[in-house]
Amino acid sequence: MLPWLTESSVDRFSDVRDTTLAKLVRDDMLGLILKGVLAPGQRINEPDVANRLQVSRVPVREALRELESSGLVVARKHSGRFCAPARSR
């Protein structure tokens, strides 16, 4: 083992290797939704997200599907995906 690499840094490297691009995109999008940067009902443009994060559209689609299954994103046929509207309390 190299002296400047501690076990904790090796663990961090394995965490990075185990993280998919879709998970990173999902976490980024989740942060934008929770911070209110993406307003309820706002359209999410896949190419813009992909360009901003410098990834292909495939991980963006995977991330949006996962957010859709959790109810934070809504897909509308022939219109795209949107941030879910705020629920009335």
N, C-alpha and C. Protein backbone atom coordinates (compact mmCIF):
# COMPACT_ATOMS: atom_id res chain seq x y z
N MET A 1 0.85 -1.18 0.00
CA MET A 1 0.00 0.00 0.00
C MET A 1 0.88 1.23 0.00
N LEU A 2 0.46 2.21 -0.72
CA LEU A 2 1.20 3.46 -0.79
C LEU A 2 1.00 4.24 0.50
N PRO A 3 2.07 4.85 1.01
CA PRO A 3 1.98 5.50 2.33
C PRO A 3 1.01 6.66 2.39
N TRP A 4 0.75 7.35 1.27
CA TRP A 4 -0.16 8.49 1.30
C TRP A 4 -1.63 8.09 1.14
N LEU A 5 -1.84 6.80 0.82
CA LEU A 5 -3.21 6.32 0.74
C LEU A 5 -3.57 5.61 2.03
N THR A 6 -4.48 6.18 2.76
CA THR A 6 -4.95 5.53 3.97
C THR A 6 -6.13 4.65 3.61
N GLU A 7 -6.55 3.83 4.54
CA GLU A 7 -7.69 2.96 4.25
C GLU A 7 -8.95 3.77 3.95
N SER A 8 -9.09 4.90 4.63
CA SER A 8 -10.29 5.71 4.39
C SER A 8 -10.30 6.27 2.97
N SER A 9 -9.14 6.65 2.44
CA SER A 9 -9.12 7.15 1.06
C SER A 9 -9.38 6.02 0.07
N VAL A 10 -8.93 4.82 0.39
CA VAL A 10 -9.21 3.67 -0.47
C VAL A 10 -10.71 3.39 -0.47
N ASP A 11 -11.34 3.50 0.69
CA ASP A 11 -12.80 3.31 0.78
C ASP A 11 -13.53 4.36 -0.05
N ARG A 12 -13.04 5.59 -0.03
CA ARG A 12 -13.68 6.65 -0.81
C ARG A 12 -13.57 6.35 -2.30
N PHE A 13 -12.45 5.82 -2.73
CA PHE A 13 -12.29 5.47 -4.14
C PHE A 13 -13.27 4.39 -4.54
N SER A 14 -13.47 3.40 -3.67
CA SER A 14 -14.41 2.33 -4.01
C SER A 14 -15.84 2.87 -4.04
N ASP A 15 -16.15 3.84 -3.17
CA ASP A 15 -17.48 4.46 -3.21
C ASP A 15 -17.71 5.17 -4.53
N VAL A 16 -16.69 5.86 -5.01
CA VAL A 16 -16.81 6.58 -6.27
C VAL A 16 -16.99 5.61 -7.42
N ARG A 17 -16.27 4.51 -7.40
CA ARG A 17 -16.39 3.51 -8.46
C ARG A 17 -17.76 2.86 -8.47
N ASP A 18 -18.38 2.74 -7.30
CA ASP A 18 -19.68 2.08 -7.19
C ASP A 18 -20.85 3.01 -7.50
N THR A 19 -20.60 4.30 -7.64
CA THR A 19 -21.65 5.26 -7.90
C THR A 19 -21.83 5.43 -9.41
N THR A 20 -23.05 5.26 -9.88
CA THR A 20 -23.33 5.41 -11.30
C THR A 20 -23.59 6.88 -11.64
N LEU A 21 -23.47 7.20 -12.91
CA LEU A 21 -23.80 8.56 -13.35
C LEU A 21 -25.27 8.88 -13.08
N ALA A 22 -26.13 7.89 -13.25
CA ALA A 22 -27.56 8.11 -13.01
C ALA A 22 -27.80 8.52 -11.55
N LYS A 23 -27.08 7.90 -10.62
CA LYS A 23 -27.24 8.26 -9.20
C LYS A 23 -26.75 9.68 -8.95
N LEU A 24 -25.65 10.06 -9.58
CA LEU A 24 -25.14 11.42 -9.41
C LEU A 24 -26.11 12.44 -9.99
N VAL A 25 -26.67 12.14 -11.15
CA VAL A 25 -27.66 13.04 -11.75
C VAL A 25 -28.90 13.11 -10.87
N ARG A 26 -29.35 11.95 -10.38
CA ARG A 26 -30.54 11.92 -9.51
C ARG A 26 -30.31 12.78 -8.28
N ASP A 27 -29.15 12.64 -7.64
CA ASP A 27 -28.87 13.43 -6.44
C ASP A 27 -28.83 14.92 -6.75
N ASP A 28 -28.27 15.28 -7.91
CA ASP A 28 -28.24 16.68 -8.31
C ASP A 28 -29.65 17.21 -8.54
N MET A 29 -30.45 16.45 -9.28
CA MET A 29 -31.82 16.88 -9.55
C MET A 29 -32.65 16.95 -8.27
N LEU A 30 -32.45 15.99 -7.39
CA LEU A 30 -33.15 15.99 -6.10
C LEU A 30 -32.81 17.24 -5.31
N GLY A 31 -31.55 17.61 -5.32
CA GLY A 31 -31.13 18.82 -4.63
C GLY A 31 -31.80 20.06 -5.21
N LEU A 32 -31.89 20.12 -6.53
CA LEU A 32 -32.54 21.27 -7.18
C LEU A 32 -34.02 21.34 -6.83
N ILE A 33 -34.66 20.18 -6.76
CA ILE A 33 -36.08 20.14 -6.41
C ILE A 33 -36.29 20.57 -4.96
N LEU A 34 -35.47 20.02 -4.05
CA LEU A 34 -35.64 20.33 -2.63
C LEU A 34 -35.29 21.78 -2.30
N LYS A 35 -34.35 22.36 -3.03
CA LYS A 35 -33.97 23.77 -2.81
C LYS A 35 -34.97 24.73 -3.43
N GLY A 36 -35.85 24.22 -4.29
CA GLY A 36 -36.82 25.08 -4.94
C GLY A 36 -36.31 25.72 -6.21
N VAL A 37 -35.13 25.31 -6.68
CA VAL A 37 -34.60 25.84 -7.94
C VAL A 37 -35.50 25.39 -9.08
N LEU A 38 -35.97 24.15 -9.01
CA LEU A 38 -36.97 23.66 -9.96
C LEU A 38 -38.33 23.85 -9.30
N ALA A 39 -39.10 24.75 -9.83
CA ALA A 39 -40.42 25.07 -9.26
C ALA A 39 -41.41 23.97 -9.58
N PRO A 40 -42.42 23.77 -8.73
CA PRO A 40 -43.45 22.79 -9.03
C PRO A 40 -44.12 23.10 -10.37
N GLY A 41 -44.21 22.07 -11.21
CA GLY A 41 -44.80 22.23 -12.52
C GLY A 41 -43.83 22.66 -13.61
N GLN A 42 -42.59 22.97 -13.23
CA GLN A 42 -41.61 23.42 -14.21
C GLN A 42 -41.13 22.26 -15.07
N ARG A 43 -40.99 22.50 -16.37
CA ARG A 43 -40.53 21.47 -17.30
C ARG A 43 -39.05 21.21 -17.09
N ILE A 44 -38.67 19.94 -17.14
CA ILE A 44 -37.27 19.53 -17.01
C ILE A 44 -36.79 19.15 -18.40
N ASN A 45 -35.82 19.88 -18.91
CA ASN A 45 -35.31 19.67 -20.24
C ASN A 45 -34.09 18.74 -20.18
N GLU A 46 -34.24 17.52 -20.69
CA GLU A 46 -33.16 16.52 -20.63
C GLU A 46 -31.85 17.02 -21.24
N PRO A 47 -31.86 17.59 -22.45
CA PRO A 47 -30.60 18.05 -23.03
C PRO A 47 -29.91 19.12 -22.18
N ASP A 48 -30.69 20.02 -21.57
CA ASP A 48 -30.09 21.05 -20.73
C ASP A 48 -29.42 20.45 -19.50
N VAL A 49 -30.09 19.49 -18.88
CA VAL A 49 -29.52 18.82 -17.71
C VAL A 49 -28.24 18.08 -18.11
N ALA A 50 -28.29 17.37 -19.23
CA ALA A 50 -27.13 16.61 -19.71
C ALA A 50 -25.96 17.55 -20.00
N ASN A 51 -26.23 18.68 -20.65
CA ASN A 51 -25.17 19.63 -20.95
C ASN A 51 -24.59 20.25 -19.69
N ARG A 52 -25.46 20.60 -18.76
CA ARG A 52 -24.99 21.23 -17.51
C ARG A 52 -24.08 20.30 -16.73
N LEU A 53 -24.43 19.01 -16.69
CA LEU A 53 -23.65 18.03 -15.93
C LEU A 53 -22.58 17.33 -16.77
N GLN A 54 -22.54 17.63 -18.06
CA GLN A 54 -21.56 17.03 -18.97
C GLN A 54 -21.65 15.51 -19.00
N VAL A 55 -22.88 15.01 -19.13
CA VAL A 55 -23.13 13.58 -19.26
C VAL A 55 -24.05 13.38 -20.46
N SER A 56 -24.22 12.14 -20.89
CA SER A 56 -25.15 11.87 -21.98
C SER A 56 -26.58 11.91 -21.44
N ARG A 57 -27.54 11.81 -22.33
CA ARG A 57 -28.94 11.87 -21.91
C ARG A 57 -29.40 10.57 -21.24
N VAL A 58 -28.68 9.48 -21.45
CA VAL A 58 -29.09 8.19 -20.88
C VAL A 58 -29.14 8.24 -19.35
N PRO A 59 -28.07 8.69 -18.65
CA PRO A 59 -28.18 8.75 -17.18
C PRO A 59 -29.21 9.77 -16.71
N VAL A 60 -29.44 10.80 -17.51
CA VAL A 60 -30.47 11.79 -17.15
C VAL A 60 -31.84 11.12 -17.20
N ARG A 61 -32.10 10.35 -18.24
CA ARG A 61 -33.38 9.63 -18.35
C ARG A 61 -33.56 8.66 -17.19
N GLU A 62 -32.49 7.92 -16.87
CA GLU A 62 -32.58 6.97 -15.74
C GLU A 62 -32.89 7.70 -14.45
N ALA A 63 -32.22 8.81 -14.22
CA ALA A 63 -32.44 9.58 -12.99
C ALA A 63 -33.88 10.11 -12.93
N LEU A 64 -34.37 10.62 -14.06
CA LEU A 64 -35.73 11.16 -14.08
C LEU A 64 -36.77 10.06 -13.88
N ARG A 65 -36.51 8.86 -14.42
CA ARG A 65 -37.43 7.74 -14.18
C ARG A 65 -37.48 7.38 -12.70
N GLU A 66 -36.33 7.41 -12.06
CA GLU A 66 -36.30 7.10 -10.63
C GLU A 66 -37.02 8.17 -9.82
N LEU A 67 -36.81 9.43 -10.17
CA LEU A 67 -37.51 10.51 -9.48
C LEU A 67 -39.01 10.46 -9.76
N GLU A 68 -39.36 10.00 -10.95
CA GLU A 68 -40.78 9.83 -11.30
C GLU A 68 -41.42 8.75 -10.44
N SER A 69 -40.69 7.66 -10.22
CA SER A 69 -41.24 6.57 -9.40
C SER A 69 -41.41 6.99 -7.94
N SER A 70 -40.63 7.99 -7.51
CA SER A 70 -40.78 8.47 -6.14
C SER A 70 -41.81 9.59 -6.03
N GLY A 71 -42.36 10.02 -7.18
CA GLY A 71 -43.41 11.03 -7.16
C GLY A 71 -42.93 12.46 -7.24
N LEU A 72 -41.63 12.68 -7.41
CA LEU A 72 -41.11 14.04 -7.47
C LEU A 72 -41.12 14.62 -8.88
N VAL A 73 -41.21 13.74 -9.87
CA VAL A 73 -41.25 14.15 -11.27
C VAL A 73 -42.46 13.49 -11.91
N VAL A 74 -43.11 14.23 -12.81
CA VAL A 74 -44.29 13.73 -13.50
C VAL A 74 -44.00 13.73 -15.00
N ALA A 75 -44.33 12.61 -15.67
CA ALA A 75 -44.18 12.53 -17.13
C ALA A 75 -45.54 12.79 -17.77
N ARG A 76 -45.53 13.64 -18.78
CA ARG A 76 -46.75 13.91 -19.54
C ARG A 76 -46.49 13.47 -20.98
N LYS A 77 -47.37 12.64 -21.48
CA LYS A 77 -47.22 12.09 -22.82
C LYS A 77 -47.10 13.22 -23.84
N HIS A 78 -46.10 13.13 -24.69
CA HIS A 78 -45.83 14.07 -25.77
C HIS A 78 -45.47 15.47 -25.28
N SER A 79 -45.22 15.63 -23.98
CA SER A 79 -44.87 16.95 -23.45
C SER A 79 -43.53 16.95 -22.72
N GLY A 80 -43.14 15.83 -22.15
CA GLY A 80 -41.89 15.76 -21.41
C GLY A 80 -42.10 15.46 -19.94
N ARG A 81 -41.08 15.78 -19.18
CA ARG A 81 -41.14 15.54 -17.74
C ARG A 81 -41.14 16.88 -17.01
N PHE A 82 -41.87 16.90 -15.90
CA PHE A 82 -42.05 18.13 -15.15
C PHE A 82 -41.83 17.84 -13.67
N CYS A 83 -41.41 18.88 -12.96
CA CYS A 83 -41.31 18.77 -11.52
C CYS A 83 -42.76 18.63 -11.01
N ALA A 84 -42.98 17.70 -10.10
CA ALA A 84 -44.34 17.44 -9.61
C ALA A 84 -44.92 18.69 -8.96
N PRO A 85 -46.21 18.92 -9.18
CA PRO A 85 -46.85 20.07 -8.55
C PRO A 85 -46.87 19.90 -7.03
N ALA A 86 -46.86 21.03 -6.35
CA ALA A 86 -46.88 21.01 -4.88
C ALA A 86 -48.21 20.41 -4.42
N ARG A 87 -48.13 19.60 -3.42
CA ARG A 87 -49.35 18.99 -2.86
C ARG A 87 -50.01 19.96 -1.90
N SER A 88 -51.31 20.01 -1.95
CA SER A 88 -52.04 20.88 -1.01
C SER A 88 -52.04 20.23 0.36
N ARG A 89 -51.95 21.06 1.36
CA ARG A 89 -51.87 20.54 2.75
C ARG A 89 -53.13 20.79 3.50
